Amino acid sequence: MDFIVSNNIHLAKTVVIQSGGSLEQPDGSFMIKDEYGPLMDSFVDFETAEEKWNLDLEYGDSVFIIYKLLPYEISPQPIEIYFMMKF
């Protein structure tokens, strides 16, 4: 538990989205939306998610993610996704 807290690692139930507010991702890319707003790992797109976690994602899918918040104050909030699975 200390590892999770000290490294700012989070667990969240989220939804895969293409747009949030005035932001829209190009085809093949996506954002994640949790209860607090949009999140995004700029290194993960649909192709990467399929390769890393064997996920065939579509917009609107519910996913569980383990991630780290990156220290930038922009929207969508930048994150680094360590693990993702559909439920």
PDB file of N, CA and C in Angstrom:
ATOM      1  N   MET A   1       0.821  -1.197   0.000  1.00  0.00           N
ATOM      2  CA  MET A   1       0.000   0.000   0.000  1.00  0.00           C
ATOM      3  C   MET A   1       0.862   1.257   0.000  1.00  0.00           C
ATOM      4  N   ASP A   2       1.972   1.238   0.734  1.00  0.00           N
ATOM      5  CA  ASP A   2       2.864   2.404   0.743  1.00  0.00           C
ATOM      6  C   ASP A   2       3.380   2.709  -0.651  1.00  0.00           C
ATOM      7  N   PHE A   3       3.668   1.670  -1.442  1.00  0.00           N
ATOM      8  CA  PHE A   3       4.147   1.866  -2.804  1.00  0.00           C
ATOM      9  C   PHE A   3       3.113   2.630  -3.627  1.00  0.00           C
ATOM     10  N   ILE A   4       1.848   2.226  -3.503  1.00  0.00           N
ATOM     11  CA  ILE A   4       0.772   2.869  -4.266  1.00  0.00           C
ATOM     12  C   ILE A   4       0.642   4.330  -3.871  1.00  0.00           C
ATOM     13  N   VAL A   5       0.591   4.631  -2.601  1.00  0.00           N
ATOM     14  CA  VAL A   5       0.419   6.002  -2.123  1.00  0.00           C
ATOM     15  C   VAL A   5       1.632   6.860  -2.461  1.00  0.00           C
ATOM     16  N   SER A   6       2.831   6.372  -2.179  1.00  0.00           N
ATOM     17  CA  SER A   6       4.030   7.184  -2.394  1.00  0.00           C
ATOM     18  C   SER A   6       4.332   7.417  -3.868  1.00  0.00           C
ATOM     19  N   ASN A   7       3.841   6.573  -4.743  1.00  0.00           N
ATOM     20  CA  ASN A   7       4.077   6.745  -6.177  1.00  0.00           C
ATOM     21  C   ASN A   7       2.874   7.338  -6.912  1.00  0.00           C
ATOM     22  N   ASN A   8       1.879   7.804  -6.170  1.00  0.00           N
ATOM     23  CA  ASN A   8       0.716   8.481  -6.753  1.00  0.00           C
ATOM     24  C   ASN A   8      -0.011   7.596  -7.772  1.00  0.00           C
ATOM     25  N   ILE A   9      -0.185   6.324  -7.449  1.00  0.00           N
ATOM     26  CA  ILE A   9      -0.853   5.383  -8.340  1.00  0.00           C
ATOM     27  C   ILE A   9      -2.332   5.309  -7.954  1.00  0.00           C
ATOM     28  N   HIS A  10      -3.185   5.305  -8.988  1.00  0.00           N
ATOM     29  CA  HIS A  10      -4.635   5.324  -8.782  1.00  0.00           C
ATOM     30  C   HIS A  10      -5.295   4.149  -9.499  1.00  0.00           C
ATOM     31  N   LEU A  11      -6.459   3.778  -9.015  1.00  0.00           N
ATOM     32  CA  LEU A  11      -7.308   2.771  -9.629  1.00  0.00           C
ATOM     33  C   LEU A  11      -8.624   3.460  -9.956  1.00  0.00           C
ATOM     34  N   ALA A  12      -9.167   3.208 -11.138  1.00  0.00           N
ATOM     35  CA  ALA A  12     -10.414   3.888 -11.491  1.00  0.00           C
ATOM     36  C   ALA A  12     -11.256   3.077 -12.464  1.00  0.00           C
ATOM     37  N   LYS A  13     -12.565   3.199 -12.305  1.00  0.00           N
ATOM     38  CA  LYS A  13     -13.540   2.685 -13.255  1.00  0.00           C
ATOM     39  C   LYS A  13     -13.836   3.847 -14.188  1.00  0.00           C
ATOM     40  N   THR A  14     -13.610   3.660 -15.481  1.00  0.00           N
ATOM     41  CA  THR A  14     -13.694   4.768 -16.433  1.00  0.00           C
ATOM     42  C   THR A  14     -14.442   4.361 -17.695  1.00  0.00           C
ATOM     43  N   VAL A  15     -14.619   5.341 -18.595  1.00  0.00           N
ATOM     44  CA  VAL A  15     -15.262   5.121 -19.891  1.00  0.00           C
ATOM     45  C   VAL A  15     -14.340   5.676 -20.972  1.00  0.00           C
ATOM     46  N   VAL A  16     -14.231   4.961 -22.088  1.00  0.00           N
ATOM     47  CA  VAL A  16     -13.434   5.403 -23.231  1.00  0.00           C
ATOM     48  C   VAL A  16     -14.251   6.425 -24.018  1.00  0.00           C
ATOM     49  N   ILE A  17     -13.685   7.627 -24.220  1.00  0.00           N
ATOM     50  CA  ILE A  17     -14.400   8.683 -24.940  1.00  0.00           C
ATOM     51  C   ILE A  17     -13.522   9.264 -26.050  1.00  0.00           C
ATOM     52  N   GLN A  18     -14.169   9.901 -27.036  1.00  0.00           N
ATOM     53  CA  GLN A  18     -13.437  10.567 -28.107  1.00  0.00           C
ATOM     54  C   GLN A  18     -13.388  12.062 -27.872  1.00  0.00           C
ATOM     55  N   SER A  19     -14.435  12.604 -27.262  1.00  0.00           N
ATOM     56  CA  SER A  19     -14.461  14.049 -27.041  1.00  0.00           C
ATOM     57  C   SER A  19     -14.986  14.359 -25.648  1.00  0.00           C
ATOM     58  N   GLY A  20     -14.494  15.457 -25.108  1.00  0.00           N
ATOM     59  CA  GLY A  20     -14.925  15.926 -23.807  1.00  0.00           C
ATOM     60  C   GLY A  20     -14.894  17.441 -23.813  1.00  0.00           C
ATOM     61  N   GLY A  21     -16.051  18.073 -23.709  1.00  0.00           N
ATOM     62  CA  GLY A  21     -16.099  19.527 -23.814  1.00  0.00           C
ATOM     63  C   GLY A  21     -15.716  19.947 -25.217  1.00  0.00           C
ATOM     64  N   SER A  22     -14.744  20.825 -25.340  1.00  0.00           N
ATOM     65  CA  SER A  22     -14.304  21.287 -26.661  1.00  0.00           C
ATOM     66  C   SER A  22     -13.145  20.459 -27.209  1.00  0.00           C
ATOM     67  N   LEU A  23     -12.728  19.440 -26.471  1.00  0.00           N
ATOM     68  CA  LEU A  23     -11.610  18.599 -26.891  1.00  0.00           C
ATOM     69  C   LEU A  23     -12.108  17.394 -27.664  1.00  0.00           C
ATOM     70  N   GLU A  24     -11.442  17.080 -28.775  1.00  0.00           N
ATOM     71  CA  GLU A  24     -11.800  15.889 -29.533  1.00  0.00           C
ATOM     72  C   GLU A  24     -10.536  15.221 -30.038  1.00  0.00           C
ATOM     73  N   GLN A  25     -10.461  13.923 -29.852  1.00  0.00           N
ATOM     74  CA  GLN A  25      -9.309  13.150 -30.283  1.00  0.00           C
ATOM     75  C   GLN A  25      -9.516  12.656 -31.707  1.00  0.00           C
ATOM     76  N   PRO A  26      -8.441  12.568 -32.490  1.00  0.00           N
ATOM     77  CA  PRO A  26      -8.575  12.006 -33.840  1.00  0.00           C
ATOM     78  C   PRO A  26      -8.894  10.515 -33.764  1.00  0.00           C
ATOM     79  N   ASP A  27      -9.404   9.968 -34.859  1.00  0.00           N
ATOM     80  CA  ASP A  27      -9.717   8.537 -34.899  1.00  0.00           C
ATOM     81  C   ASP A  27      -8.496   7.720 -34.528  1.00  0.00           C
ATOM     82  N   GLY A  28      -8.706   6.688 -33.723  1.00  0.00           N
ATOM     83  CA  GLY A  28      -7.622   5.825 -33.285  1.00  0.00           C
ATOM     84  C   GLY A  28      -7.072   6.210 -31.932  1.00  0.00           C
ATOM     85  N   SER A  29      -7.334   7.441 -31.502  1.00  0.00           N
ATOM     86  CA  SER A  29      -6.904   7.900 -30.184  1.00  0.00           C
ATOM     87  C   SER A  29      -8.125   8.041 -29.296  1.00  0.00           C
ATOM     88  N   PHE A  30      -7.898   8.083 -28.003  1.00  0.00           N
ATOM     89  CA  PHE A  30      -9.033   8.224 -27.097  1.00  0.00           C
ATOM     90  C   PHE A  30      -8.612   8.862 -25.784  1.00  0.00           C
ATOM     91  N   MET A  31      -9.606   9.313 -25.058  1.00  0.00           N
ATOM     92  CA  MET A  31      -9.437   9.794 -23.695  1.00  0.00           C
ATOM     93  C   MET A  31     -10.198   8.835 -22.798  1.00  0.00           C
ATOM     94  N   ILE A  32      -9.927   8.934 -21.529  1.00  0.00           N
ATOM     95  CA  ILE A  32     -10.625   8.159 -20.511  1.00  0.00           C
ATOM     96  C   ILE A  32     -11.364   9.168 -19.643  1.00  0.00           C
ATOM     97  N   LYS A  33     -12.602   8.875 -19.304  1.00  0.00           N
ATOM     98  CA  LYS A  33     -13.348   9.784 -18.446  1.00  0.00           C
ATOM     99  C   LYS A  33     -13.719   9.059 -17.165  1.00  0.00           C
ATOM    100  N   ASP A  34     -13.319   9.660 -16.034  1.00  0.00           N
ATOM    101  CA  ASP A  34     -13.753   9.127 -14.752  1.00  0.00           C
ATOM    102  C   ASP A  34     -14.694  10.141 -14.123  1.00  0.00           C
ATOM    103  N   GLU A  35     -15.016   9.974 -12.867  1.00  0.00           N
ATOM    104  CA  GLU A  35     -15.982  10.856 -12.212  1.00  0.00           C
ATOM    105  C   GLU A  35     -15.496  12.298 -12.089  1.00  0.00           C
ATOM    106  N   TYR A  36     -14.189  12.535 -12.246  1.00  0.00           N
ATOM    107  CA  TYR A  36     -13.636  13.872 -12.085  1.00  0.00           C
ATOM    108  C   TYR A  36     -13.379  14.589 -13.402  1.00  0.00           C
ATOM    109  N   GLY A  37     -13.412  13.875 -14.514  1.00  0.00           N
ATOM    110  CA  GLY A  37     -13.184  14.513 -15.800  1.00  0.00           C
ATOM    111  C   GLY A  37     -12.322  13.676 -16.728  1.00  0.00           C
ATOM    112  N   PRO A  38     -11.927  14.273 -17.866  1.00  0.00           N
ATOM    113  CA  PRO A  38     -11.150  13.519 -18.850  1.00  0.00           C
ATOM    114  C   PRO A  38      -9.687  13.338 -18.455  1.00  0.00           C
ATOM    115  N   LEU A  39      -9.168  12.155 -18.763  1.00  0.00           N
ATOM    116  CA  LEU A  39      -7.769  11.790 -18.529  1.00  0.00           C
ATOM    117  C   LEU A  39      -7.205  11.282 -19.852  1.00  0.00           C
ATOM    118  N   MET A  40      -5.883  11.419 -20.047  1.00  0.00           N
ATOM    119  CA  MET A  40      -5.327  10.922 -21.291  1.00  0.00           C
ATOM    120  C   MET A  40      -3.874  10.527 -21.152  1.00  0.00           C
ATOM    121  N   ASP A  41      -3.552   9.346 -21.666  1.00  0.00           N
ATOM    122  CA  ASP A  41      -2.170   8.899 -21.826  1.00  0.00           C
ATOM    123  C   ASP A  41      -1.862   9.057 -23.313  1.00  0.00           C
ATOM    124  N   SER A  42      -1.024  10.026 -23.664  1.00  0.00           N
ATOM    125  CA  SER A  42      -0.772  10.316 -25.075  1.00  0.00           C
ATOM    126  C   SER A  42      -0.016   9.198 -25.785  1.00  0.00           C
ATOM    127  N   PHE A  43       0.491   8.214 -25.043  1.00  0.00           N
ATOM    128  CA  PHE A  43       1.196   7.094 -25.651  1.00  0.00           C
ATOM    129  C   PHE A  43       0.306   5.875 -25.857  1.00  0.00           C
ATOM    130  N   VAL A  44      -0.967   5.952 -25.467  1.00  0.00           N
ATOM    131  CA  VAL A  44      -1.869   4.810 -25.625  1.00  0.00           C
ATOM    132  C   VAL A  44      -3.006   5.185 -26.570  1.00  0.00           C
ATOM    133  N   ASP A  45      -3.139   4.432 -27.638  1.00  0.00           N
ATOM    134  CA  ASP A  45      -4.265   4.566 -28.553  1.00  0.00           C
ATOM    135  C   ASP A  45      -4.911   3.184 -28.680  1.00  0.00           C
ATOM    136  N   PHE A  46      -5.900   3.030 -29.557  1.00  0.00           N
ATOM    137  CA  PHE A  46      -6.583   1.737 -29.684  1.00  0.00           C
ATOM    138  C   PHE A  46      -5.611   0.615 -30.058  1.00  0.00           C
ATOM    139  N   GLU A  47      -4.694   0.896 -30.959  1.00  0.00           N
ATOM    140  CA  GLU A  47      -3.733  -0.119 -31.398  1.00  0.00           C
ATOM    141  C   GLU A  47      -2.811  -0.549 -30.257  1.00  0.00           C
ATOM    142  N   THR A  48      -2.320   0.420 -29.498  1.00  0.00           N
ATOM    143  CA  THR A  48      -1.441   0.115 -28.363  1.00  0.00           C
ATOM    144  C   THR A  48      -2.176  -0.682 -27.293  1.00  0.00           C
ATOM    145  N   ALA A  49      -3.423  -0.310 -27.004  1.00  0.00           N
ATOM    146  CA  ALA A  49      -4.220  -1.036 -25.998  1.00  0.00           C
ATOM    147  C   ALA A  49      -4.424  -2.486 -26.420  1.00  0.00           C
ATOM    148  N   GLU A  50      -4.608  -2.705 -27.718  1.00  0.00           N
ATOM    149  CA  GLU A  50      -4.778  -4.080 -28.194  1.00  0.00           C
ATOM    150  C   GLU A  50      -3.472  -4.871 -28.047  1.00  0.00           C
ATOM    151  N   GLU A  51      -2.360  -4.239 -28.354  1.00  0.00           N
ATOM    152  CA  GLU A  51      -1.069  -4.915 -28.250  1.00  0.00           C
ATOM    153  C   GLU A  51      -0.674  -5.188 -26.795  1.00  0.00           C
ATOM    154  N   LYS A  52      -0.818  -4.182 -25.925  1.00  0.00           N
ATOM    155  CA  LYS A  52      -0.368  -4.310 -24.535  1.00  0.00           C
ATOM    156  C   LYS A  52      -1.271  -5.170 -23.667  1.00  0.00           C
ATOM    157  N   TRP A  53      -2.592  -4.982 -23.818  1.00  0.00           N
ATOM    158  CA  TRP A  53      -3.533  -5.629 -22.894  1.00  0.00           C
ATOM    159  C   TRP A  53      -4.551  -6.529 -23.595  1.00  0.00           C
ATOM    160  N   ASN A  54      -4.374  -6.770 -24.900  1.00  0.00           N
ATOM    161  CA  ASN A  54      -5.267  -7.621 -25.677  1.00  0.00           C
ATOM    162  C   ASN A  54      -6.716  -7.137 -25.607  1.00  0.00           C
ATOM    163  N   LEU A  55      -6.892  -5.814 -25.762  1.00  0.00           N
ATOM    164  CA  LEU A  55      -8.218  -5.201 -25.675  1.00  0.00           C
ATOM    165  C   LEU A  55      -8.660  -4.663 -27.028  1.00  0.00           C
ATOM    166  N   ASP A  56      -9.852  -5.022 -27.436  1.00  0.00           N
ATOM    167  CA  ASP A  56     -10.461  -4.464 -28.635  1.00  0.00           C
ATOM    168  C   ASP A  56     -11.442  -3.397 -28.160  1.00  0.00           C
ATOM    169  N   LEU A  57     -10.951  -2.156 -28.042  1.00  0.00           N
ATOM    170  CA  LEU A  57     -11.746  -1.077 -27.456  1.00  0.00           C
ATOM    171  C   LEU A  57     -12.544  -0.309 -28.493  1.00  0.00           C
ATOM    172  N   GLU A  58     -13.661   0.241 -28.036  1.00  0.00           N
ATOM    173  CA  GLU A  58     -14.491   1.156 -28.821  1.00  0.00           C
ATOM    174  C   GLU A  58     -14.903   2.294 -27.907  1.00  0.00           C
ATOM    175  N   TYR A  59     -15.272   3.412 -28.505  1.00  0.00           N
ATOM    176  CA  TYR A  59     -15.768   4.531 -27.710  1.00  0.00           C
ATOM    177  C   TYR A  59     -17.008   4.077 -26.943  1.00  0.00           C
ATOM    178  N   GLY A  60     -17.077   4.437 -25.673  1.00  0.00           N
ATOM    179  CA  GLY A  60     -18.206   4.062 -24.825  1.00  0.00           C
ATOM    180  C   GLY A  60     -17.948   2.834 -23.964  1.00  0.00           C
ATOM    181  N   ASP A  61     -16.852   2.108 -24.232  1.00  0.00           N
ATOM    182  CA  ASP A  61     -16.536   0.934 -23.414  1.00  0.00           C
ATOM    183  C   ASP A  61     -16.172   1.343 -21.989  1.00  0.00           C
ATOM    184  N   SER A  62     -16.598   0.544 -21.034  1.00  0.00           N
ATOM    185  CA  SER A  62     -16.204   0.737 -19.641  1.00  0.00           C
ATOM    186  C   SER A  62     -14.917  -0.033 -19.404  1.00  0.00           C
ATOM    187  N   VAL A  63     -13.944   0.643 -18.807  1.00  0.00           N
ATOM    188  CA  VAL A  63     -12.654  -0.001 -18.527  1.00  0.00           C
ATOM    189  C   VAL A  63     -12.202   0.330 -17.114  1.00  0.00           C
ATOM    190  N   PHE A  64     -11.448  -0.591 -16.548  1.00  0.00           N
ATOM    191  CA  PHE A  64     -10.808  -0.393 -15.258  1.00  0.00           C
ATOM    192  C   PHE A  64      -9.343  -0.109 -15.568  1.00  0.00           C
ATOM    193  N   ILE A  65      -8.785   0.960 -14.971  1.00  0.00           N
ATOM    194  CA  ILE A  65      -7.388   1.284 -15.234  1.00  0.00           C
ATOM    195  C   ILE A  65      -6.609   1.473 -13.935  1.00  0.00           C
ATOM    196  N   ILE A  66      -5.328   1.165 -14.012  1.00  0.00           N
ATOM    197  CA  ILE A  66      -4.369   1.492 -12.969  1.00  0.00           C
ATOM    198  C   ILE A  66      -3.439   2.506 -13.614  1.00  0.00           C
ATOM    199  N   TYR A  67      -3.303   3.680 -13.003  1.00  0.00           N
ATOM    200  CA  TYR A  67      -2.568   4.751 -13.655  1.00  0.00           C
ATOM    201  C   TYR A  67      -1.883   5.661 -12.648  1.00  0.00           C
ATOM    202  N   LYS A  68      -0.998   6.481 -13.188  1.00  0.00           N
ATOM    203  CA  LYS A  68      -0.305   7.488 -12.388  1.00  0.00           C
ATOM    204  C   LYS A  68      -0.618   8.852 -12.981  1.00  0.00           C
ATOM    205  N   LEU A  69      -0.993   9.792 -12.129  1.00  0.00           N
ATOM    206  CA  LEU A  69      -1.207  11.170 -12.583  1.00  0.00           C
ATOM    207  C   LEU A  69       0.140  11.816 -12.858  1.00  0.00           C
ATOM    208  N   LEU A  70       0.243  12.498 -13.976  1.00  0.00           N
ATOM    209  CA  LEU A  70       1.459  13.229 -14.287  1.00  0.00           C
ATOM    210  C   LEU A  70       1.293  14.668 -13.805  1.00  0.00           C
ATOM    211  N   PRO A  71       2.370  15.325 -13.437  1.00  0.00           N
ATOM    212  CA  PRO A  71       2.270  16.613 -12.747  1.00  0.00           C
ATOM    213  C   PRO A  71       2.033  17.829 -13.649  1.00  0.00           C
ATOM    214  N   TYR A  72       1.137  17.718 -14.597  1.00  0.00           N
ATOM    215  CA  TYR A  72       0.837  18.849 -15.475  1.00  0.00           C
ATOM    216  C   TYR A  72      -0.590  19.289 -15.232  1.00  0.00           C
ATOM    217  N   GLU A  73      -0.817  20.576 -15.192  1.00  0.00           N
ATOM    218  CA  GLU A  73      -2.153  21.112 -14.919  1.00  0.00           C
ATOM    219  C   GLU A  73      -2.809  21.548 -16.223  1.00  0.00           C
ATOM    220  N   ILE A  74      -3.144  20.565 -17.072  1.00  0.00           N
ATOM    221  CA  ILE A  74      -3.837  20.856 -18.317  1.00  0.00           C
ATOM    222  C   ILE A  74      -5.020  19.905 -18.431  1.00  0.00           C
ATOM    223  N   SER A  75      -5.856  20.157 -19.413  1.00  0.00           N
ATOM    224  CA  SER A  75      -6.992  19.264 -19.624  1.00  0.00           C
ATOM    225  C   SER A  75      -6.904  18.715 -21.044  1.00  0.00           C
ATOM    226  N   PRO A  76      -7.093  17.418 -21.248  1.00  0.00           N
ATOM    227  CA  PRO A  76      -7.351  16.406 -20.237  1.00  0.00           C
ATOM    228  C   PRO A  76      -6.124  16.151 -19.367  1.00  0.00           C
ATOM    229  N   GLN A  77      -6.364  15.729 -18.139  1.00  0.00           N
ATOM    230  CA  GLN A  77      -5.281  15.465 -17.193  1.00  0.00           C
ATOM    231  C   GLN A  77      -4.364  14.381 -17.749  1.00  0.00           C
ATOM    232  N   PRO A  78      -3.067  14.668 -17.924  1.00  0.00           N
ATOM    233  CA  PRO A  78      -2.147  13.643 -18.424  1.00  0.00           C
ATOM    234  C   PRO A  78      -1.909  12.542 -17.387  1.00  0.00           C
ATOM    235  N   ILE A  79      -1.934  11.302 -17.868  1.00  0.00           N
ATOM    236  CA  ILE A  79      -1.704  10.145 -17.009  1.00  0.00           C
ATOM    237  C   ILE A  79      -0.783   9.165 -17.722  1.00  0.00           C
ATOM    238  N   GLU A  80      -0.240   8.237 -16.954  1.00  0.00           N
ATOM    239  CA  GLU A  80       0.492   7.110 -17.508  1.00  0.00           C
ATOM    240  C   GLU A  80      -0.270   5.859 -17.094  1.00  0.00           C
ATOM    241  N   ILE A  81      -0.808   5.132 -18.082  1.00  0.00           N
ATOM    242  CA  ILE A  81      -1.609   3.939 -17.800  1.00  0.00           C
ATOM    243  C   ILE A  81      -0.689   2.734 -17.683  1.00  0.00           C
ATOM    244  N   TYR A  82      -0.801   2.021 -16.546  1.00  0.00           N
ATOM    245  CA  TYR A  82      -0.016   0.810 -16.324  1.00  0.00           C
ATOM    246  C   TYR A  82      -0.788  -0.446 -16.706  1.00  0.00           C
ATOM    247  N   PHE A  83      -2.095  -0.422 -16.531  1.00  0.00           N
ATOM    248  CA  PHE A  83      -2.911  -1.593 -16.799  1.00  0.00           C
ATOM    249  C   PHE A  83      -4.321  -1.149 -17.123  1.00  0.00           C
ATOM    250  N   MET A  84      -4.964  -1.888 -18.053  1.00  0.00           N
ATOM    251  CA  MET A  84      -6.332  -1.583 -18.436  1.00  0.00           C
ATOM    252  C   MET A  84      -7.061  -2.886 -18.750  1.00  0.00           C
ATOM    253  N   MET A  85      -8.310  -2.992 -18.297  1.00  0.00           N
ATOM    254  CA  MET A  85      -9.123  -4.144 -18.645  1.00  0.00           C
ATOM    255  C   MET A  85     -10.582  -3.732 -18.780  1.00  0.00           C
ATOM    256  N   LYS A  86     -11.304  -4.402 -19.685  1.00  0.00           N
ATOM    257  CA  LYS A  86     -12.731  -4.139 -19.878  1.00  0.00           C
ATOM    258  C   LYS A  86     -13.540  -4.847 -18.803  1.00  0.00           C
ATOM    259  N   PHE A  87     -14.699  -4.269 -18.478  1.00  0.00           N
ATOM    260  CA  PHE A  87     -15.615  -4.981 -17.591  1.00  0.00           C
ATOM    261  C   PHE A  87     -17.026  -4.704 -17.995  1.00  0.00           C
TER     262      PHE A  87
END
